Amino acid sequence: MMNTFRSYLQTVFPVCGDLLLGETKIRRQPVGEVTVPKGAHVLVCNNRHSLKSTSQDEMRHRRDALLDKELNYKLFSLNCEHFATFVRYGKAMCNQIPGRTKNKECEEATKVFADIVAKYYT
C-alpha cells in the first residue's frame, strides 16, 4: 500500500514526493525509469567533492547494506546526495544546498548510514 502511495506521489510531484512523505526507501531503479520533470536536465558528476573515492568493494558493501532500507527523509541532513556520497566516500555530504558550506561532512547522516551498515554485517 505504501509503495503504491509513494509511487503515486512521485508521479504527481516528481521532485518532492519523498519530501512530502517525510520518508524514503533506498531502492534500485534503472535511470530510464526515474521520473524527471519536463524540461529538467539531469547531471551526473562524480568529481564535485573534495574526497578520494573508496574501493569498489567498499562501495558495494555500503550500498548492499542500505538497499531497501526505509529512512526519514530530511532535505538538509538526509537526502539522496548524502546517500550517494556515503556510498562513494564513506562520508555523507551534500553540496546542493544553497548557503551551506561545500564539502563538509554531515555527521548526522554519516552516523545513520554507518549504523545501518554495521548492523547489516554483524
Protein backbone atom coordinates (compact mmCIF):
# COMPACT_ATOMS: atom_id res chain seq x y z
CA MET A 1 0.00 0.00 0.00
CA MET A 2 2.74 2.47 0.98
CA ASN A 3 4.73 1.64 -2.18
CA THR A 4 1.67 2.43 -4.31
CA PHE A 5 1.12 5.72 -2.49
CA ARG A 6 4.83 6.59 -2.76
CA SER A 7 4.79 5.85 -6.50
CA TYR A 8 1.68 7.99 -6.93
CA LEU A 9 3.24 10.92 -5.06
CA GLN A 10 6.44 10.65 -7.09
CA THR A 11 4.42 10.68 -10.29
CA VAL A 12 2.34 13.69 -9.29
CA PHE A 13 5.20 15.51 -7.54
CA PRO A 14 8.35 14.09 -9.19
CA VAL A 15 10.73 16.48 -7.50
CA CYS A 16 9.41 16.24 -3.96
CA GLY A 17 7.40 13.04 -3.50
CA ASP A 18 9.69 11.76 -0.72
CA LEU A 19 9.84 15.23 0.82
CA LEU A 20 6.05 15.25 1.17
CA LEU A 21 6.05 11.77 2.71
CA GLY A 22 8.86 12.57 5.11
CA GLU A 23 10.35 9.17 4.41
CA THR A 24 12.14 7.43 1.61
CA LYS A 25 13.24 3.95 0.68
CA ILE A 26 16.64 3.27 -0.81
CA ARG A 27 15.92 1.28 -3.92
CA ARG A 28 17.49 0.22 -7.17
CA GLN A 29 15.84 1.75 -10.21
CA PRO A 30 17.04 1.96 -13.83
CA VAL A 31 17.93 5.55 -14.73
CA GLY A 32 15.46 5.43 -17.65
CA GLU A 33 12.60 4.86 -15.20
CA VAL A 34 13.38 7.82 -12.94
CA THR A 35 10.67 10.47 -13.17
CA VAL A 36 12.20 13.79 -14.21
CA PRO A 37 10.07 16.92 -14.64
CA LYS A 38 9.61 18.06 -18.23
CA GLY A 39 12.37 20.49 -19.20
CA ALA A 40 14.66 19.49 -16.34
CA HIS A 41 18.22 18.45 -17.04
CA VAL A 42 19.96 15.62 -15.23
CA LEU A 43 23.66 15.99 -14.46
CA VAL A 44 25.66 13.06 -13.17
CA CYS A 45 29.01 14.22 -11.89
CA ASN A 46 31.44 12.11 -9.90
CA ASN A 47 34.04 14.72 -9.05
CA ARG A 48 32.32 17.56 -7.20
CA HIS A 49 33.51 16.55 -3.76
CA SER A 50 36.96 17.01 -2.29
CA LEU A 51 37.31 13.38 -1.19
CA LYS A 52 39.05 10.35 -2.62
CA SER A 53 36.72 7.51 -3.61
CA THR A 54 36.89 4.30 -1.66
CA SER A 55 37.34 0.93 -3.35
CA GLN A 56 34.52 -0.58 -5.41
CA ASP A 57 34.26 -3.39 -2.85
CA GLU A 58 33.73 -0.89 -0.02
CA MET A 59 31.12 0.96 -2.11
CA ARG A 60 29.25 -2.28 -2.84
CA HIS A 61 29.45 -3.24 0.83
CA ARG A 62 27.78 0.03 1.90
CA ARG A 63 25.27 0.02 -0.97
CA ASP A 64 24.13 -3.54 -0.32
CA ALA A 65 23.66 -2.87 3.40
CA LEU A 66 21.50 0.19 2.71
CA LEU A 67 19.41 -1.22 -0.16
CA ASP A 68 15.69 -1.47 0.67
CA LYS A 69 16.06 0.41 3.96
CA GLU A 70 13.37 2.97 4.80
CA LEU A 71 14.63 6.23 6.28
CA ASN A 72 13.23 9.55 7.39
CA TYR A 73 13.83 11.98 4.53
CA LYS A 74 15.35 15.29 5.61
CA LEU A 75 16.09 17.72 2.82
CA PHE A 76 19.02 19.32 4.63
CA SER A 77 20.51 16.41 6.52
CA LEU A 78 19.46 13.06 4.99
CA ASN A 79 18.79 13.21 1.27
CA CYS A 80 19.85 11.33 -1.85
CA GLU A 81 23.19 13.15 -2.18
CA HIS A 82 24.04 12.24 1.40
CA PHE A 83 23.34 8.61 0.48
CA ALA A 84 25.40 8.74 -2.74
CA THR A 85 28.42 10.39 -1.11
CA PHE A 86 28.29 7.98 1.83
CA VAL A 87 28.34 5.02 -0.54
CA ARG A 88 31.16 6.52 -2.63
CA TYR A 89 33.35 8.09 0.07
CA GLY A 90 32.18 6.70 3.42
CA LYS A 91 31.14 10.22 4.45
CA ALA A 92 27.76 11.82 3.81
CA MET A 93 27.75 15.34 2.40
CA CYS A 94 25.58 17.50 0.18
CA ASN A 95 26.86 20.35 -1.97
CA GLN A 96 23.44 21.15 -3.49
CA ILE A 97 22.07 23.12 -0.55
CA PRO A 98 22.47 26.88 -1.12
CA GLY A 99 24.18 28.73 1.69
CA ARG A 100 25.73 25.61 3.19
CA THR A 101 29.48 25.01 3.39
CA LYS A 102 30.60 22.84 0.48
CA ASN A 103 32.43 19.55 1.00
CA LYS A 104 31.54 19.46 4.70
CA GLU A 105 30.55 16.11 6.15
CA CYS A 106 27.02 15.82 7.55
CA GLU A 107 27.89 13.80 10.64
CA GLU A 108 24.22 13.06 11.39
CA ALA A 109 23.70 11.34 8.02
CA THR A 110 27.06 9.55 8.16
CA LYS A 111 26.13 8.10 11.56
CA VAL A 112 22.67 6.97 10.38
CA PHE A 113 24.14 5.19 7.36
CA ALA A 114 27.18 3.78 9.21
CA ASP A 115 24.97 2.32 11.96
CA ILE A 116 22.82 0.53 9.37
CA VAL A 117 25.90 -0.85 7.60
CA ALA A 118 27.44 -2.03 10.89
CA LYS A 119 24.24 -3.84 11.91
CA TYR A 120 23.89 -5.43 8.47
CA TYR A 121 27.31 -7.08 8.68
CA THR A 122 27.20 -8.23 12.33
